[in-house]
Amino acid sequence: MMHQTQPSNPLHGVTLERLLNELVAFYGWDALAREVNIRCFTHDPSIASSLKFLRRTPWARERVELLYVDMVANVDETRRP
């Protein structure tokens, strides 16, 4: 089996837990809940409950992954000289 590298894919090699931790560190729970309005972000949010929900809810996971991709792209743009 041959493994393909995906250097331009910002999600490549990023676990859902790492992605979520980075989003929470960047946005905070309140802003994250405004960006993706799901109960696990708005009511007593935690990494554990969010991971459980996102792993079984494909549409929510996709929205969170897209937000992460946007965040990474925006952070990269601000670092350019």
PDB file of N, CA and C in Angstrom:
ATOM      1  N   MET A   1       0.841  -1.176   0.000  1.00  0.00           N
ATOM      2  CA  MET A   1       0.000   0.000   0.000  1.00  0.00           C
ATOM      3  C   MET A   1       0.892   1.248   0.000  1.00  0.00           C
ATOM      4  N   MET A   2       0.598   2.151  -0.877  1.00  0.00           N
ATOM      5  CA  MET A   2       1.392   3.360  -1.006  1.00  0.00           C
ATOM      6  C   MET A   2       0.681   4.530  -0.338  1.00  0.00           C
ATOM      7  N   HIS A   3       1.433   5.274   0.480  1.00  0.00           N
ATOM      8  CA  HIS A   3       0.850   6.434   1.144  1.00  0.00           C
ATOM      9  C   HIS A   3       1.091   7.669   0.297  1.00  0.00           C
ATOM     10  N   GLN A   4       0.038   8.456   0.126  1.00  0.00           N
ATOM     11  CA  GLN A   4       0.170   9.695  -0.628  1.00  0.00           C
ATOM     12  C   GLN A   4       0.382  10.847   0.347  1.00  0.00           C
ATOM     13  N   THR A   5       1.275  11.747  -0.014  1.00  0.00           N
ATOM     14  CA  THR A   5       1.448  12.936   0.798  1.00  0.00           C
ATOM     15  C   THR A   5       0.518  14.012   0.265  1.00  0.00           C
ATOM     16  N   GLN A   6       0.109  14.879   1.152  1.00  0.00           N
ATOM     17  CA  GLN A   6      -0.811  15.946   0.781  1.00  0.00           C
ATOM     18  C   GLN A   6      -0.279  17.268   1.350  1.00  0.00           C
ATOM     19  N   PRO A   7       0.793  17.770   0.785  1.00  0.00           N
ATOM     20  CA  PRO A   7       1.407  18.967   1.379  1.00  0.00           C
ATOM     21  C   PRO A   7       0.523  20.204   1.362  1.00  0.00           C
ATOM     22  N   SER A   8      -0.412  20.296   0.431  1.00  0.00           N
ATOM     23  CA  SER A   8      -1.260  21.487   0.369  1.00  0.00           C
ATOM     24  C   SER A   8      -2.558  21.327   1.157  1.00  0.00           C
ATOM     25  N   ASN A   9      -2.788  20.169   1.742  1.00  0.00           N
ATOM     26  CA  ASN A   9      -4.004  19.930   2.515  1.00  0.00           C
ATOM     27  C   ASN A   9      -3.748  20.281   3.979  1.00  0.00           C
ATOM     28  N   PRO A  10      -4.321  21.378   4.480  1.00  0.00           N
ATOM     29  CA  PRO A  10      -4.060  21.786   5.863  1.00  0.00           C
ATOM     30  C   PRO A  10      -4.611  20.813   6.905  1.00  0.00           C
ATOM     31  N   LEU A  11      -5.479  19.892   6.495  1.00  0.00           N
ATOM     32  CA  LEU A  11      -6.021  18.910   7.432  1.00  0.00           C
ATOM     33  C   LEU A  11      -5.173  17.644   7.503  1.00  0.00           C
ATOM     34  N   HIS A  12      -4.225  17.490   6.585  1.00  0.00           N
ATOM     35  CA  HIS A  12      -3.412  16.275   6.532  1.00  0.00           C
ATOM     36  C   HIS A  12      -2.580  16.138   7.807  1.00  0.00           C
ATOM     37  N   GLY A  13      -2.762  15.019   8.489  1.00  0.00           N
ATOM     38  CA  GLY A  13      -1.991  14.735   9.688  1.00  0.00           C
ATOM     39  C   GLY A  13      -2.486  15.449  10.938  1.00  0.00           C
ATOM     40  N   VAL A  14      -3.606  16.151  10.848  1.00  0.00           N
ATOM     41  CA  VAL A  14      -4.151  16.875  11.995  1.00  0.00           C
ATOM     42  C   VAL A  14      -5.303  16.068  12.573  1.00  0.00           C
ATOM     43  N   THR A  15      -5.180  15.689  13.839  1.00  0.00           N
ATOM     44  CA  THR A  15      -6.274  14.948  14.472  1.00  0.00           C
ATOM     45  C   THR A  15      -7.424  15.905  14.768  1.00  0.00           C
ATOM     46  N   LEU A  16      -8.608  15.350  14.911  1.00  0.00           N
ATOM     47  CA  LEU A  16      -9.770  16.166  15.245  1.00  0.00           C
ATOM     48  C   LEU A  16      -9.562  16.851  16.597  1.00  0.00           C
ATOM     49  N   GLU A  17      -8.938  16.169  17.530  1.00  0.00           N
ATOM     50  CA  GLU A  17      -8.697  16.761  18.846  1.00  0.00           C
ATOM     51  C   GLU A  17      -7.749  17.962  18.743  1.00  0.00           C
ATOM     52  N   ARG A  18      -6.675  17.825  17.975  1.00  0.00           N
ATOM     53  CA  ARG A  18      -5.738  18.942  17.804  1.00  0.00           C
ATOM     54  C   ARG A  18      -6.429  20.126  17.111  1.00  0.00           C
ATOM     55  N   LEU A  19      -7.181  19.813  16.071  1.00  0.00           N
ATOM     56  CA  LEU A  19      -7.914  20.831  15.322  1.00  0.00           C
ATOM     57  C   LEU A  19      -8.839  21.605  16.262  1.00  0.00           C
ATOM     58  N   LEU A  20      -9.583  20.887  17.080  1.00  0.00           N
ATOM     59  CA  LEU A  20     -10.529  21.516  17.995  1.00  0.00           C
ATOM     60  C   LEU A  20      -9.803  22.347  19.048  1.00  0.00           C
ATOM     61  N   ASN A  21      -8.719  21.820  19.596  1.00  0.00           N
ATOM     62  CA  ASN A  21      -7.935  22.576  20.584  1.00  0.00           C
ATOM     63  C   ASN A  21      -7.385  23.865  19.991  1.00  0.00           C
ATOM     64  N   GLU A  22      -6.918  23.813  18.756  1.00  0.00           N
ATOM     65  CA  GLU A  22      -6.395  25.012  18.107  1.00  0.00           C
ATOM     66  C   GLU A  22      -7.501  26.035  17.848  1.00  0.00           C
ATOM     67  N   LEU A  23      -8.668  25.557  17.429  1.00  0.00           N
ATOM     68  CA  LEU A  23      -9.795  26.473  17.219  1.00  0.00           C
ATOM     69  C   LEU A  23     -10.223  27.144  18.524  1.00  0.00           C
ATOM     70  N   VAL A  24     -10.289  26.379  19.598  1.00  0.00           N
ATOM     71  CA  VAL A  24     -10.685  26.945  20.899  1.00  0.00           C
ATOM     72  C   VAL A  24      -9.630  27.946  21.371  1.00  0.00           C
ATOM     73  N   ALA A  25      -8.355  27.627  21.169  1.00  0.00           N
ATOM     74  CA  ALA A  25      -7.296  28.550  21.573  1.00  0.00           C
ATOM     75  C   ALA A  25      -7.359  29.846  20.761  1.00  0.00           C
ATOM     76  N   PHE A  26      -7.706  29.738  19.496  1.00  0.00           N
ATOM     77  CA  PHE A  26      -7.743  30.897  18.608  1.00  0.00           C
ATOM     78  C   PHE A  26      -9.006  31.731  18.814  1.00  0.00           C
ATOM     79  N   TYR A  27     -10.162  31.085  18.827  1.00  0.00           N
ATOM     80  CA  TYR A  27     -11.447  31.790  18.893  1.00  0.00           C
ATOM     81  C   TYR A  27     -12.004  31.929  20.311  1.00  0.00           C
ATOM     82  N   GLY A  28     -11.797  30.916  21.132  1.00  0.00           N
ATOM     83  CA  GLY A  28     -12.519  30.816  22.403  1.00  0.00           C
ATOM     84  C   GLY A  28     -13.866  30.164  22.150  1.00  0.00           C
ATOM     85  N   TRP A  29     -14.473  29.610  23.186  1.00  0.00           N
ATOM     86  CA  TRP A  29     -15.742  28.883  23.000  1.00  0.00           C
ATOM     87  C   TRP A  29     -16.865  29.782  22.497  1.00  0.00           C
ATOM     88  N   ASP A  30     -16.960  31.013  23.014  1.00  0.00           N
ATOM     89  CA  ASP A  30     -18.066  31.903  22.623  1.00  0.00           C
ATOM     90  C   ASP A  30     -18.022  32.240  21.137  1.00  0.00           C
ATOM     91  N   ALA A  31     -16.859  32.641  20.658  1.00  0.00           N
ATOM     92  CA  ALA A  31     -16.731  32.987  19.238  1.00  0.00           C
ATOM     93  C   ALA A  31     -16.878  31.748  18.364  1.00  0.00           C
ATOM     94  N   LEU A  32     -16.361  30.624  18.850  1.00  0.00           N
ATOM     95  CA  LEU A  32     -16.501  29.375  18.094  1.00  0.00           C
ATOM     96  C   LEU A  32     -17.973  29.005  17.955  1.00  0.00           C
ATOM     97  N   ALA A  33     -18.741  29.199  19.004  1.00  0.00           N
ATOM     98  CA  ALA A  33     -20.177  28.912  18.965  1.00  0.00           C
ATOM     99  C   ALA A  33     -20.900  29.845  17.992  1.00  0.00           C
ATOM    100  N   ARG A  34     -20.430  31.093  17.875  1.00  0.00           N
ATOM    101  CA  ARG A  34     -21.039  32.007  16.894  1.00  0.00           C
ATOM    102  C   ARG A  34     -20.701  31.581  15.466  1.00  0.00           C
ATOM    103  N   GLU A  35     -19.512  31.055  15.264  1.00  0.00           N
ATOM    104  CA  GLU A  35     -19.096  30.607  13.925  1.00  0.00           C
ATOM    105  C   GLU A  35     -19.797  29.316  13.517  1.00  0.00           C
ATOM    106  N   VAL A  36     -19.898  28.380  14.453  1.00  0.00           N
ATOM    107  CA  VAL A  36     -20.557  27.087  14.208  1.00  0.00           C
ATOM    108  C   VAL A  36     -21.528  26.878  15.370  1.00  0.00           C
ATOM    109  N   ASN A  37     -22.801  27.159  15.123  1.00  0.00           N
ATOM    110  CA  ASN A  37     -23.806  27.130  16.184  1.00  0.00           C
ATOM    111  C   ASN A  37     -24.288  25.704  16.437  1.00  0.00           C
ATOM    112  N   ILE A  38     -23.531  25.010  17.278  1.00  0.00           N
ATOM    113  CA  ILE A  38     -23.931  23.659  17.684  1.00  0.00           C
ATOM    114  C   ILE A  38     -23.916  23.606  19.211  1.00  0.00           C
ATOM    115  N   ARG A  39     -24.808  22.813  19.757  1.00  0.00           N
ATOM    116  CA  ARG A  39     -25.031  22.783  21.206  1.00  0.00           C
ATOM    117  C   ARG A  39     -23.768  22.473  22.002  1.00  0.00           C
ATOM    118  N   CYS A  40     -22.916  21.596  21.490  1.00  0.00           N
ATOM    119  CA  CYS A  40     -21.720  21.241  22.256  1.00  0.00           C
ATOM    120  C   CYS A  40     -20.743  22.409  22.369  1.00  0.00           C
ATOM    121  N   PHE A  41     -20.943  23.475  21.584  1.00  0.00           N
ATOM    122  CA  PHE A  41     -20.126  24.687  21.694  1.00  0.00           C
ATOM    123  C   PHE A  41     -20.828  25.760  22.527  1.00  0.00           C
ATOM    124  N   THR A  42     -22.168  25.674  22.626  1.00  0.00           N
ATOM    125  CA  THR A  42     -22.920  26.749  23.276  1.00  0.00           C
ATOM    126  C   THR A  42     -23.324  26.439  24.714  1.00  0.00           C
ATOM    127  N   HIS A  43     -23.473  25.175  25.067  1.00  0.00           N
ATOM    128  CA  HIS A  43     -23.954  24.792  26.395  1.00  0.00           C
ATOM    129  C   HIS A  43     -22.916  23.910  27.089  1.00  0.00           C
ATOM    130  N   ASP A  44     -22.255  24.470  28.095  1.00  0.00           N
ATOM    131  CA  ASP A  44     -21.250  23.751  28.879  1.00  0.00           C
ATOM    132  C   ASP A  44     -20.221  23.056  27.970  1.00  0.00           C
ATOM    133  N   PRO A  45     -19.530  23.837  27.133  1.00  0.00           N
ATOM    134  CA  PRO A  45     -18.627  23.243  26.146  1.00  0.00           C
ATOM    135  C   PRO A  45     -17.397  22.589  26.769  1.00  0.00           C
ATOM    136  N   SER A  46     -16.989  21.491  26.160  1.00  0.00           N
ATOM    137  CA  SER A  46     -15.744  20.825  26.539  1.00  0.00           C
ATOM    138  C   SER A  46     -15.185  20.139  25.301  1.00  0.00           C
ATOM    139  N   ILE A  47     -13.891  19.887  25.342  1.00  0.00           N
ATOM    140  CA  ILE A  47     -13.256  19.187  24.226  1.00  0.00           C
ATOM    141  C   ILE A  47     -13.864  17.795  24.088  1.00  0.00           C
ATOM    142  N   ALA A  48     -14.031  17.083  25.206  1.00  0.00           N
ATOM    143  CA  ALA A  48     -14.538  15.709  25.164  1.00  0.00           C
ATOM    144  C   ALA A  48     -15.939  15.628  24.552  1.00  0.00           C
ATOM    145  N   SER A  49     -16.854  16.489  25.003  1.00  0.00           N
ATOM    146  CA  SER A  49     -18.221  16.420  24.470  1.00  0.00           C
ATOM    147  C   SER A  49     -18.251  16.842  23.007  1.00  0.00           C
ATOM    148  N   SER A  50     -17.423  17.822  22.649  1.00  0.00           N
ATOM    149  CA  SER A  50     -17.378  18.273  21.260  1.00  0.00           C
ATOM    150  C   SER A  50     -16.827  17.190  20.349  1.00  0.00           C
ATOM    151  N   LEU A  51     -15.769  16.512  20.796  1.00  0.00           N
ATOM    152  CA  LEU A  51     -15.202  15.429  19.986  1.00  0.00           C
ATOM    153  C   LEU A  51     -16.230  14.329  19.760  1.00  0.00           C
ATOM    154  N   LYS A  52     -16.937  13.963  20.816  1.00  0.00           N
ATOM    155  CA  LYS A  52     -17.951  12.908  20.710  1.00  0.00           C
ATOM    156  C   LYS A  52     -19.010  13.290  19.672  1.00  0.00           C
ATOM    157  N   PHE A  53     -19.503  14.530  19.765  1.00  0.00           N
ATOM    158  CA  PHE A  53     -20.531  14.995  18.836  1.00  0.00           C
ATOM    159  C   PHE A  53     -19.991  15.076  17.406  1.00  0.00           C
ATOM    160  N   LEU A  54     -18.823  15.672  17.220  1.00  0.00           N
ATOM    161  CA  LEU A  54     -18.273  15.870  15.871  1.00  0.00           C
ATOM    162  C   LEU A  54     -17.938  14.544  15.191  1.00  0.00           C
ATOM    163  N   ARG A  55     -17.527  13.557  15.963  1.00  0.00           N
ATOM    164  CA  ARG A  55     -17.182  12.249  15.374  1.00  0.00           C
ATOM    165  C   ARG A  55     -18.407  11.521  14.838  1.00  0.00           C
ATOM    166  N   ARG A  56     -19.579  11.838  15.384  1.00  0.00           N
ATOM    167  CA  ARG A  56     -20.788  11.141  14.900  1.00  0.00           C
ATOM    168  C   ARG A  56     -21.718  12.031  14.082  1.00  0.00           C
ATOM    169  N   THR A  57     -21.277  13.258  13.795  1.00  0.00           N
ATOM    170  CA  THR A  57     -22.124  14.201  13.065  1.00  0.00           C
ATOM    171  C   THR A  57     -21.341  14.813  11.907  1.00  0.00           C
ATOM    172  N   PRO A  58     -21.378  14.150  10.738  1.00  0.00           N
ATOM    173  CA  PRO A  58     -20.538  14.580   9.605  1.00  0.00           C
ATOM    174  C   PRO A  58     -20.728  16.029   9.172  1.00  0.00           C
ATOM    175  N   TRP A  59     -21.960  16.550   9.156  1.00  0.00           N
ATOM    176  CA  TRP A  59     -22.162  17.925   8.694  1.00  0.00           C
ATOM    177  C   TRP A  59     -21.494  18.928   9.638  1.00  0.00           C
ATOM    178  N   ALA A  60     -21.551  18.655  10.936  1.00  0.00           N
ATOM    179  CA  ALA A  60     -20.927  19.563  11.910  1.00  0.00           C
ATOM    180  C   ALA A  60     -19.411  19.470  11.827  1.00  0.00           C
ATOM    181  N   ARG A  61     -18.904  18.257  11.676  1.00  0.00           N
ATOM    182  CA  ARG A  61     -17.453  18.088  11.549  1.00  0.00           C
ATOM    183  C   ARG A  61     -16.935  18.826  10.314  1.00  0.00           C
ATOM    184  N   GLU A  62     -17.670  18.749   9.218  1.00  0.00           N
ATOM    185  CA  GLU A  62     -17.259  19.431   7.991  1.00  0.00           C
ATOM    186  C   GLU A  62     -17.199  20.946   8.204  1.00  0.00           C
ATOM    187  N   ARG A  63     -18.177  21.499   8.894  1.00  0.00           N
ATOM    188  CA  ARG A  63     -18.172  22.955   9.150  1.00  0.00           C
ATOM    189  C   ARG A  63     -17.000  23.353  10.035  1.00  0.00           C
ATOM    190  N   VAL A  64     -16.692  22.536  11.035  1.00  0.00           N
ATOM    191  CA  VAL A  64     -15.567  22.821  11.927  1.00  0.00           C
ATOM    192  C   VAL A  64     -14.246  22.700  11.159  1.00  0.00           C
ATOM    193  N   GLU A  65     -14.144  21.688  10.298  1.00  0.00           N
ATOM    194  CA  GLU A  65     -12.923  21.521   9.494  1.00  0.00           C
ATOM    195  C   GLU A  65     -12.736  22.702   8.537  1.00  0.00           C
ATOM    196  N   LEU A  66     -13.816  23.177   7.934  1.00  0.00           N
ATOM    197  CA  LEU A  66     -13.721  24.339   7.044  1.00  0.00           C
ATOM    198  C   LEU A  66     -13.298  25.591   7.804  1.00  0.00           C
ATOM    199  N   LEU A  67     -13.815  25.757   9.006  1.00  0.00           N
ATOM    200  CA  LEU A  67     -13.417  26.895   9.829  1.00  0.00           C
ATOM    201  C   LEU A  67     -11.928  26.809  10.162  1.00  0.00           C
ATOM    202  N   TYR A  68     -11.452  25.602  10.453  1.00  0.00           N
ATOM    203  CA  TYR A  68     -10.029  25.402  10.744  1.00  0.00           C
ATOM    204  C   TYR A  68      -9.170  25.759   9.532  1.00  0.00           C
ATOM    205  N   VAL A  69      -9.578  25.309   8.347  1.00  0.00           N
ATOM    206  CA  VAL A  69      -8.842  25.611   7.114  1.00  0.00           C
ATOM    207  C   VAL A  69      -8.780  27.128   6.905  1.00  0.00           C
ATOM    208  N   ASP A  70      -9.904  27.813   7.125  1.00  0.00           N
ATOM    209  CA  ASP A  70      -9.932  29.274   7.011  1.00  0.00           C
ATOM    210  C   ASP A  70      -8.997  29.922   8.029  1.00  0.00           C
ATOM    211  N   MET A  71      -9.022  29.420   9.259  1.00  0.00           N
ATOM    212  CA  MET A  71      -8.158  29.970  10.300  1.00  0.00           C
ATOM    213  C   MET A  71      -6.686  29.817   9.928  1.00  0.00           C
ATOM    214  N   VAL A  72      -6.304  28.622   9.474  1.00  0.00           N
ATOM    215  CA  VAL A  72      -4.913  28.365   9.088  1.00  0.00           C
ATOM    216  C   VAL A  72      -4.508  29.272   7.931  1.00  0.00           C
ATOM    217  N   ALA A  73      -5.384  29.435   6.952  1.00  0.00           N
ATOM    218  CA  ALA A  73      -5.076  30.289   5.805  1.00  0.00           C
ATOM    219  C   ALA A  73      -4.895  31.738   6.240  1.00  0.00           C
ATOM    220  N   ASN A  74      -5.755  32.220   7.135  1.00  0.00           N
ATOM    221  CA  ASN A  74      -5.654  33.600   7.613  1.00  0.00           C
ATOM    222  C   ASN A  74      -4.412  33.818   8.458  1.00  0.00           C
ATOM    223  N   VAL A  75      -4.058  32.853   9.277  1.00  0.00           N
ATOM    224  CA  VAL A  75      -2.848  32.964  10.093  1.00  0.00           C
ATOM    225  C   VAL A  75      -1.619  32.970   9.193  1.00  0.00           C
ATOM    226  N   ASP A  76      -1.605  32.109   8.176  1.00  0.00           N
ATOM    227  CA  ASP A  76      -0.481  32.061   7.235  1.00  0.00           C
ATOM    228  C   ASP A  76      -0.326  33.382   6.498  1.00  0.00           C
ATOM    229  N   GLU A  77      -1.439  34.008   6.122  1.00  0.00           N
ATOM    230  CA  GLU A  77      -1.389  35.296   5.406  1.00  0.00           C
ATOM    231  C   GLU A  77      -0.797  36.397   6.281  1.00  0.00           C
ATOM    232  N   THR A  78      -1.094  36.376   7.553  1.00  0.00           N
ATOM    233  CA  THR A  78      -0.577  37.416   8.439  1.00  0.00           C
ATOM    234  C   THR A  78       0.909  37.230   8.725  1.00  0.00           C
ATOM    235  N   ARG A  79       1.435  36.046   8.514  1.00  0.00           N
ATOM    236  CA  ARG A  79       2.853  35.775   8.757  1.00  0.00           C
ATOM    237  C   ARG A  79       3.734  36.114   7.562  1.00  0.00           C
ATOM    238  N   ARG A  80       3.139  36.315   6.416  1.00  0.00           N
ATOM    239  CA  ARG A  80       3.923  36.618   5.213  1.00  0.00           C
ATOM    240  C   ARG A  80       4.525  38.027   5.318  1.00  0.00           C
ATOM    241  N   PRO A  81       5.761  38.177   4.824  1.00  0.00           N
ATOM    242  CA  PRO A  81       6.391  39.507   4.865  1.00  0.00           C
ATOM    243  C   PRO A  81       5.741  40.485   3.921  1.00  0.00           C
TER     244      PRO A  81
END
